[in-house]
Amino acid sequence: MQRISDLPLPRDQVLPDASMARLEALARLMDGIITIPGTNIRMGLDGIIGLVPVAGDVVSGLISSYLIWEAKQLGAPRWLIARMIGNMAIDSTIGAIPLLGDAFDVMFRANMKNMALLRRHLEKRGLQRRPSFGGPTIESTARRAVG
């Protein structure tokens, strides 16, 4: 299997698609992987690990920080990083409140909001193509990059 650095395409054309697929999957895992039975409400690990006082909110904040760090690596401007940090701060601050914060974690979905901001930014710069169906997956992105 070839490494991304061995591909003939310039790095900046390959990495946004691969990084975005990975980040989208992580954001979905954190904010919307599970549908609450009997409702249309989706929740992710953020709402579940937030039930653990303090440690759950710290872990959730670290994962959100990784998404923001990765956005910076993709060339997101300072104003976009600031908005993403604001979303994370709101989620972490209110999420730390017992019970009310757990419900807020399920409804606010800071990671999905941050990914939407990053996706729009990359599309405007022409680095990310809008998928024609369902969205990118890690497997399809890897096949495109290698094949």
N, C-alpha and C. Protein backbone atom coordinates (compact mmCIF):
# COMPACT_ATOMS: atom_id res chain seq x y z
N MET A 1 0.84 -1.17 0.00
CA MET A 1 0.00 0.00 0.00
C MET A 1 0.89 1.24 0.00
N GLN A 2 0.55 2.21 -0.84
CA GLN A 2 1.34 3.43 -0.93
C GLN A 2 0.98 4.38 0.19
N ARG A 3 1.97 5.15 0.59
CA ARG A 3 1.71 6.21 1.55
C ARG A 3 1.25 7.44 0.79
N ILE A 4 0.53 8.33 1.46
CA ILE A 4 0.06 9.54 0.81
C ILE A 4 1.23 10.34 0.27
N SER A 5 2.34 10.36 0.99
CA SER A 5 3.50 11.14 0.53
C SER A 5 4.11 10.57 -0.74
N ASP A 6 3.83 9.30 -1.09
CA ASP A 6 4.37 8.68 -2.30
C ASP A 6 3.50 8.92 -3.53
N LEU A 7 2.32 9.51 -3.35
CA LEU A 7 1.40 9.70 -4.46
C LEU A 7 1.89 10.82 -5.38
N PRO A 8 1.55 10.74 -6.68
CA PRO A 8 1.99 11.76 -7.62
C PRO A 8 1.30 13.10 -7.44
N LEU A 9 0.11 13.15 -6.81
CA LEU A 9 -0.60 14.41 -6.62
C LEU A 9 0.09 15.24 -5.54
N PRO A 10 0.00 16.56 -5.65
CA PRO A 10 0.54 17.41 -4.58
C PRO A 10 -0.16 17.11 -3.26
N ARG A 11 0.55 17.22 -2.16
CA ARG A 11 0.01 16.90 -0.84
C ARG A 11 -1.24 17.69 -0.51
N ASP A 12 -1.29 18.96 -0.87
CA ASP A 12 -2.43 19.78 -0.49
C ASP A 12 -3.71 19.39 -1.22
N GLN A 13 -3.63 18.61 -2.29
CA GLN A 13 -4.83 18.15 -2.97
C GLN A 13 -5.32 16.83 -2.41
N VAL A 14 -4.47 16.05 -1.80
CA VAL A 14 -4.86 14.74 -1.27
C VAL A 14 -5.27 14.85 0.20
N LEU A 15 -4.51 15.55 1.00
CA LEU A 15 -4.74 15.56 2.43
C LEU A 15 -6.08 16.14 2.87
N PRO A 16 -6.61 17.22 2.27
CA PRO A 16 -7.90 17.69 2.77
C PRO A 16 -9.00 16.64 2.69
N ASP A 17 -9.07 15.88 1.60
CA ASP A 17 -10.11 14.85 1.49
C ASP A 17 -9.91 13.76 2.54
N ALA A 18 -8.68 13.28 2.70
CA ALA A 18 -8.42 12.23 3.68
C ALA A 18 -8.63 12.74 5.10
N SER A 19 -8.15 13.94 5.39
CA SER A 19 -8.33 14.50 6.73
C SER A 19 -9.79 14.76 7.03
N MET A 20 -10.50 15.31 6.05
CA MET A 20 -11.91 15.60 6.27
C MET A 20 -12.72 14.33 6.50
N ALA A 21 -12.42 13.28 5.78
CA ALA A 21 -13.13 12.02 5.99
C ALA A 21 -12.91 11.52 7.41
N ARG A 22 -11.68 11.59 7.87
CA ARG A 22 -11.35 11.16 9.24
C ARG A 22 -12.04 12.05 10.27
N LEU A 23 -12.02 13.35 10.05
CA LEU A 23 -12.63 14.29 11.00
C LEU A 23 -14.15 14.17 11.00
N GLU A 24 -14.74 13.99 9.82
CA GLU A 24 -16.20 13.81 9.75
C GLU A 24 -16.62 12.56 10.53
N ALA A 25 -15.86 11.48 10.37
CA ALA A 25 -16.17 10.25 11.09
C ALA A 25 -16.06 10.47 12.60
N LEU A 26 -15.05 11.18 13.04
CA LEU A 26 -14.87 11.45 14.47
C LEU A 26 -15.98 12.35 15.00
N ALA A 27 -16.36 13.38 14.23
CA ALA A 27 -17.44 14.27 14.66
C ALA A 27 -18.76 13.52 14.77
N ARG A 28 -19.04 12.64 13.78
CA ARG A 28 -20.27 11.83 13.86
C ARG A 28 -20.24 10.90 15.07
N LEU A 29 -19.09 10.31 15.35
CA LEU A 29 -18.95 9.44 16.51
C LEU A 29 -19.23 10.21 17.80
N MET A 30 -18.71 11.42 17.88
CA MET A 30 -18.88 12.21 19.10
C MET A 30 -20.28 12.82 19.24
N ASP A 31 -20.93 13.17 18.12
CA ASP A 31 -22.17 13.93 18.21
C ASP A 31 -23.42 13.26 17.65
N GLY A 32 -23.29 12.18 16.89
CA GLY A 32 -24.52 11.67 16.28
C GLY A 32 -24.49 10.23 15.83
N ILE A 33 -23.82 9.36 16.53
CA ILE A 33 -23.68 7.97 16.10
C ILE A 33 -24.91 7.13 16.47
N ILE A 34 -25.64 7.53 17.51
CA ILE A 34 -26.75 6.72 18.03
C ILE A 34 -28.05 7.52 17.92
N THR A 35 -29.13 6.86 17.49
CA THR A 35 -30.45 7.47 17.52
C THR A 35 -31.16 6.98 18.77
N ILE A 36 -31.68 7.91 19.54
CA ILE A 36 -32.41 7.53 20.75
C ILE A 36 -33.70 6.85 20.32
N PRO A 37 -33.94 5.61 20.78
CA PRO A 37 -35.12 4.85 20.35
C PRO A 37 -36.42 5.61 20.58
N GLY A 38 -37.28 5.56 19.56
CA GLY A 38 -38.58 6.22 19.65
C GLY A 38 -38.55 7.70 19.32
N THR A 39 -37.38 8.23 18.98
CA THR A 39 -37.26 9.65 18.64
C THR A 39 -36.39 9.80 17.39
N ASN A 40 -36.29 11.00 16.92
CA ASN A 40 -35.36 11.31 15.83
C ASN A 40 -34.10 11.97 16.37
N ILE A 41 -33.92 11.97 17.67
CA ILE A 41 -32.79 12.64 18.30
C ILE A 41 -31.56 11.74 18.22
N ARG A 42 -30.49 12.31 17.69
CA ARG A 42 -29.23 11.58 17.58
C ARG A 42 -28.29 12.08 18.65
N MET A 43 -27.52 11.17 19.20
CA MET A 43 -26.51 11.54 20.18
C MET A 43 -25.26 10.73 19.91
N GLY A 44 -24.17 11.16 20.50
CA GLY A 44 -22.91 10.46 20.30
C GLY A 44 -22.20 10.23 21.62
N LEU A 45 -20.94 9.90 21.50
CA LEU A 45 -20.15 9.63 22.70
C LEU A 45 -20.01 10.85 23.60
N ASP A 46 -20.10 12.04 23.03
CA ASP A 46 -20.00 13.26 23.83
C ASP A 46 -21.06 13.26 24.93
N GLY A 47 -22.29 12.92 24.58
CA GLY A 47 -23.36 12.87 25.57
C GLY A 47 -23.20 11.75 26.56
N ILE A 48 -22.60 10.65 26.13
CA ILE A 48 -22.43 9.49 27.02
C ILE A 48 -21.27 9.71 27.98
N ILE A 49 -20.11 10.11 27.44
CA ILE A 49 -18.97 10.29 28.34
C ILE A 49 -19.13 11.54 29.20
N GLY A 50 -20.01 12.45 28.79
CA GLY A 50 -20.29 13.63 29.60
C GLY A 50 -21.00 13.29 30.90
N LEU A 51 -21.56 12.08 30.98
CA LEU A 51 -22.22 11.65 32.22
C LEU A 51 -21.22 11.43 33.35
N VAL A 52 -19.96 11.18 32.99
CA VAL A 52 -18.91 11.01 34.00
C VAL A 52 -18.47 12.41 34.43
N PRO A 53 -18.70 12.77 35.70
CA PRO A 53 -18.36 14.12 36.14
C PRO A 53 -16.89 14.46 35.92
N VAL A 54 -16.63 15.64 35.48
CA VAL A 54 -15.32 16.25 35.23
C VAL A 54 -14.51 15.49 34.17
N ALA A 55 -14.16 14.25 34.41
CA ALA A 55 -13.31 13.50 33.48
C ALA A 55 -13.96 13.37 32.11
N GLY A 56 -15.26 13.13 32.06
CA GLY A 56 -15.96 13.00 30.78
C GLY A 56 -15.91 14.29 29.99
N ASP A 57 -16.09 15.41 30.68
CA ASP A 57 -16.05 16.70 30.00
C ASP A 57 -14.64 17.04 29.54
N VAL A 58 -13.64 16.64 30.30
CA VAL A 58 -12.24 16.87 29.91
C VAL A 58 -11.91 16.05 28.66
N VAL A 59 -12.29 14.78 28.64
CA VAL A 59 -12.01 13.93 27.48
C VAL A 59 -12.72 14.47 26.25
N SER A 60 -13.97 14.85 26.40
CA SER A 60 -14.74 15.41 25.29
C SER A 60 -14.09 16.69 24.77
N GLY A 61 -13.62 17.53 25.67
CA GLY A 61 -12.94 18.77 25.28
C GLY A 61 -11.64 18.50 24.54
N LEU A 62 -10.91 17.47 24.96
CA LEU A 62 -9.66 17.11 24.28
C LEU A 62 -9.92 16.62 22.85
N ILE A 63 -10.97 15.85 22.68
CA ILE A 63 -11.31 15.37 21.34
C ILE A 63 -11.72 16.54 20.46
N SER A 64 -12.52 17.45 21.00
CA SER A 64 -12.90 18.64 20.24
C SER A 64 -11.68 19.49 19.91
N SER A 65 -10.73 19.55 20.82
CA SER A 65 -9.49 20.29 20.57
C SER A 65 -8.70 19.68 19.43
N TYR A 66 -8.72 18.36 19.35
CA TYR A 66 -8.02 17.69 18.24
C TYR A 66 -8.64 18.10 16.90
N LEU A 67 -9.97 18.15 16.83
CA LEU A 67 -10.62 18.57 15.60
C LEU A 67 -10.19 19.98 15.20
N ILE A 68 -10.09 20.86 16.20
CA ILE A 68 -9.68 22.24 15.93
C ILE A 68 -8.22 22.29 15.50
N TRP A 69 -7.36 21.50 16.14
CA TRP A 69 -5.95 21.46 15.76
C TRP A 69 -5.81 20.98 14.31
N GLU A 70 -6.57 19.97 13.96
CA GLU A 70 -6.53 19.43 12.61
C GLU A 70 -7.01 20.47 11.60
N ALA A 71 -8.02 21.26 11.98
CA ALA A 71 -8.50 22.34 11.10
C ALA A 71 -7.40 23.36 10.87
N LYS A 72 -6.65 23.66 11.90
CA LYS A 72 -5.52 24.59 11.76
C LYS A 72 -4.48 24.02 10.80
N GLN A 73 -4.23 22.72 10.88
CA GLN A 73 -3.28 22.07 9.98
C GLN A 73 -3.75 22.14 8.53
N LEU A 74 -5.06 22.18 8.33
CA LEU A 74 -5.63 22.26 6.98
C LEU A 74 -5.65 23.69 6.46
N GLY A 75 -5.17 24.64 7.27
CA GLY A 75 -5.07 26.02 6.82
C GLY A 75 -6.24 26.90 7.17
N ALA A 76 -7.05 26.52 8.15
CA ALA A 76 -8.18 27.35 8.55
C ALA A 76 -7.67 28.68 9.10
N PRO A 77 -8.31 29.79 8.72
CA PRO A 77 -7.87 31.10 9.21
C PRO A 77 -8.19 31.29 10.69
N ARG A 78 -7.58 32.31 11.26
CA ARG A 78 -7.75 32.56 12.71
C ARG A 78 -9.21 32.78 13.10
N TRP A 79 -9.95 33.51 12.27
CA TRP A 79 -11.35 33.78 12.62
C TRP A 79 -12.15 32.49 12.69
N LEU A 80 -11.86 31.53 11.81
CA LEU A 80 -12.56 30.25 11.82
C LEU A 80 -12.17 29.44 13.04
N ILE A 81 -10.89 29.43 13.35
CA ILE A 81 -10.42 28.72 14.55
C ILE A 81 -11.08 29.32 15.79
N ALA A 82 -11.20 30.66 15.83
CA ALA A 82 -11.83 31.32 16.97
C ALA A 82 -13.30 30.90 17.11
N ARG A 83 -14.01 30.81 15.99
CA ARG A 83 -15.40 30.36 16.05
C ARG A 83 -15.50 28.92 16.53
N MET A 84 -14.58 28.08 16.07
CA MET A 84 -14.59 26.68 16.48
C MET A 84 -14.28 26.56 17.98
N ILE A 85 -13.34 27.36 18.45
CA ILE A 85 -13.02 27.36 19.88
C ILE A 85 -14.23 27.85 20.68
N GLY A 86 -14.93 28.85 20.16
CA GLY A 86 -16.14 29.34 20.83
C GLY A 86 -17.20 28.25 20.96
N ASN A 87 -17.42 27.50 19.87
CA ASN A 87 -18.38 26.39 19.94
C ASN A 87 -17.96 25.36 20.98
N MET A 88 -16.66 25.04 20.98
CA MET A 88 -16.16 24.06 21.94
C MET A 88 -16.29 24.59 23.38
N ALA A 89 -16.01 25.88 23.57
CA ALA A 89 -16.09 26.46 24.91
C ALA A 89 -17.53 26.45 25.43
N ILE A 90 -18.48 26.78 24.56
CA ILE A 90 -19.89 26.74 24.96
C ILE A 90 -20.28 25.32 25.33
N ASP A 91 -19.90 24.36 24.50
CA ASP A 91 -20.23 22.95 24.75
C ASP A 91 -19.60 22.47 26.05
N SER A 92 -18.35 22.80 26.27
CA SER A 92 -17.65 22.33 27.46
C SER A 92 -18.17 23.01 28.73
N THR A 93 -18.43 24.31 28.65
CA THR A 93 -18.86 25.06 29.83
C THR A 93 -20.26 24.63 30.27
N ILE A 94 -21.20 24.65 29.35
CA ILE A 94 -22.57 24.27 29.72
C ILE A 94 -22.65 22.76 29.94
N GLY A 95 -21.86 21.99 29.21
CA GLY A 95 -21.84 20.54 29.37
C GLY A 95 -21.37 20.10 30.74
N ALA A 96 -20.65 20.96 31.45
CA ALA A 96 -20.15 20.61 32.77
C ALA A 96 -21.22 20.70 33.86
N ILE A 97 -22.35 21.34 33.54
CA ILE A 97 -23.44 21.45 34.51
C ILE A 97 -24.16 20.10 34.60
N PRO A 98 -24.28 19.54 35.80
CA PRO A 98 -24.93 18.23 35.93
C PRO A 98 -26.36 18.23 35.37
N LEU A 99 -26.73 17.16 34.68
CA LEU A 99 -28.02 16.91 34.04
C LEU A 99 -28.36 17.89 32.93
N LEU A 100 -28.47 19.17 33.20
CA LEU A 100 -28.76 20.16 32.17
C LEU A 100 -27.67 20.12 31.09
N GLY A 101 -26.43 20.03 31.52
CA GLY A 101 -25.31 19.99 30.59
C GLY A 101 -25.31 18.75 29.72
N ASP A 102 -25.74 17.63 30.27
CA ASP A 102 -25.80 16.39 29.49
C ASP A 102 -26.84 16.51 28.38
N ALA A 103 -28.00 17.10 28.69
CA ALA A 103 -29.02 17.32 27.67
C ALA A 103 -28.52 18.31 26.63
N PHE A 104 -27.81 19.33 27.08
CA PHE A 104 -27.26 20.33 26.16
C PHE A 104 -26.24 19.69 25.23
N ASP A 105 -25.40 18.79 25.74
CA ASP A 105 -24.41 18.09 24.91
C ASP A 105 -25.07 17.36 23.75
N VAL A 106 -26.22 16.75 24.01
CA VAL A 106 -26.93 16.00 22.98
C VAL A 106 -27.49 16.95 21.92
N MET A 107 -27.97 18.11 22.32
CA MET A 107 -28.64 19.02 21.40
C MET A 107 -27.68 19.98 20.67
N PHE A 108 -26.60 20.40 21.29
CA PHE A 108 -25.75 21.45 20.71
C PHE A 108 -24.84 20.94 19.60
N ARG A 109 -24.23 19.80 19.73
CA ARG A 109 -23.39 19.16 18.71
C ARG A 109 -22.28 20.07 18.18
N ALA A 110 -21.41 20.50 19.07
CA ALA A 110 -20.33 21.42 18.71
C ALA A 110 -19.40 20.85 17.65
N ASN A 111 -19.10 19.57 17.72
CA ASN A 111 -18.18 18.97 16.74
C ASN A 111 -18.78 18.99 15.34
N MET A 112 -20.07 18.71 15.21
CA MET A 112 -20.72 18.75 13.91
C MET A 112 -20.79 20.18 13.38
N LYS A 113 -21.03 21.15 14.27
CA LYS A 113 -21.04 22.55 13.87
C LYS A 113 -19.65 22.96 13.36
N ASN A 114 -18.62 22.54 14.09
CA ASN A 114 -17.26 22.89 13.68
C ASN A 114 -16.89 22.25 12.35
N MET A 115 -17.33 21.04 12.12
CA MET A 115 -17.04 20.39 10.85
C MET A 115 -17.76 21.08 9.70
N ALA A 116 -18.97 21.54 9.94
CA ALA A 116 -19.70 22.28 8.90
C ALA A 116 -18.97 23.58 8.56
N LEU A 117 -18.48 24.27 9.57
CA LEU A 117 -17.70 25.49 9.34
C LEU A 117 -16.45 25.20 8.52
N LEU A 118 -15.72 24.16 8.88
CA LEU A 118 -14.49 23.81 8.18
C LEU A 118 -14.79 23.36 6.75
N ARG A 119 -15.83 22.57 6.57
CA ARG A 119 -16.20 22.08 5.24
C ARG A 119 -16.52 23.25 4.32
N ARG A 120 -17.32 24.21 4.81
CA ARG A 120 -17.67 25.38 3.98
C ARG A 120 -16.42 26.17 3.62
N HIS A 121 -15.52 26.33 4.57
CA HIS A 121 -14.29 27.08 4.31
C HIS A 121 -13.46 26.39 3.22
N LEU A 122 -13.29 25.09 3.33
CA LEU A 122 -12.50 24.36 2.34
C LEU A 122 -13.16 24.36 0.97
N GLU A 123 -14.50 24.29 0.94
CA GLU A 123 -15.21 24.34 -0.34
C GLU A 123 -15.00 25.68 -1.02
N LYS A 124 -15.04 26.76 -0.24
CA LYS A 124 -14.82 28.10 -0.81
C LYS A 124 -13.42 28.23 -1.38
N ARG A 125 -12.45 27.60 -0.74
CA ARG A 125 -11.07 27.64 -1.22
C ARG A 125 -10.83 26.65 -2.35
N GLY A 126 -11.81 25.79 -2.63
CA GLY A 126 -11.67 24.82 -3.70
C GLY A 126 -10.86 23.60 -3.33
N LEU A 127 -10.65 23.38 -2.03
CA LEU A 127 -9.86 22.23 -1.58
C LEU A 127 -10.72 21.02 -1.23
N GLN A 128 -12.01 21.22 -1.07
CA GLN A 128 -12.90 20.12 -0.70
C GLN A 128 -14.06 20.13 -1.67
N ARG A 129 -14.31 19.02 -2.27
CA ARG A 129 -15.45 18.90 -3.18
C ARG A 129 -16.67 18.45 -2.40
N ARG A 130 -17.81 19.05 -2.75
CA ARG A 130 -19.06 18.63 -2.11
C ARG A 130 -19.41 17.25 -2.65
N PRO A 131 -19.58 16.26 -1.77
CA PRO A 131 -19.90 14.90 -2.24
C PRO A 131 -21.27 14.87 -2.90
N SER A 132 -21.40 14.05 -3.94
CA SER A 132 -22.67 13.95 -4.65
C SER A 132 -23.63 12.99 -3.97
N PHE A 133 -23.15 12.19 -3.06
CA PHE A 133 -24.03 11.25 -2.36
C PHE A 133 -23.52 11.05 -0.95
N GLY A 134 -24.41 11.14 0.02
CA GLY A 134 -24.16 10.75 1.39
C GLY A 134 -22.99 11.35 2.14
N GLY A 135 -21.91 11.64 1.53
CA GLY A 135 -20.75 12.18 2.21
C GLY A 135 -19.55 11.26 2.07
N PRO A 136 -18.38 11.80 2.36
CA PRO A 136 -17.18 10.99 2.20
C PRO A 136 -17.08 9.94 3.29
N THR A 137 -16.48 8.85 2.95
CA THR A 137 -16.19 7.82 3.94
C THR A 137 -14.70 7.58 3.94
N ILE A 138 -14.21 7.06 4.99
CA ILE A 138 -12.78 6.81 5.10
C ILE A 138 -12.34 5.82 4.04
N GLU A 139 -13.14 4.77 3.80
CA GLU A 139 -12.76 3.74 2.84
C GLU A 139 -12.71 4.29 1.42
N SER A 140 -13.73 5.06 1.02
CA SER A 140 -13.74 5.57 -0.35
C SER A 140 -12.63 6.58 -0.59
N THR A 141 -12.32 7.36 0.43
CA THR A 141 -11.23 8.32 0.31
C THR A 141 -9.90 7.61 0.18
N ALA A 142 -9.71 6.55 0.93
CA ALA A 142 -8.45 5.80 0.86
C ALA A 142 -8.31 5.15 -0.51
N ARG A 143 -9.39 4.61 -1.04
CA ARG A 143 -9.32 3.99 -2.36
C ARG A 143 -8.99 5.01 -3.44
N ARG A 144 -9.60 6.19 -3.35
CA ARG A 144 -9.32 7.24 -4.33
C ARG A 144 -7.87 7.69 -4.25
N ALA A 145 -7.33 7.82 -3.03
CA ALA A 145 -5.97 8.31 -2.84
C ALA A 145 -4.95 7.29 -3.35
N VAL A 146 -5.22 6.01 -3.15
CA VAL A 146 -4.26 4.97 -3.54
C VAL A 146 -4.46 4.56 -4.99
N GLY A 147 -5.69 4.40 -5.42
CA GLY A 147 -5.99 3.87 -6.75
C GLY A 147 -5.98 4.92 -7.74
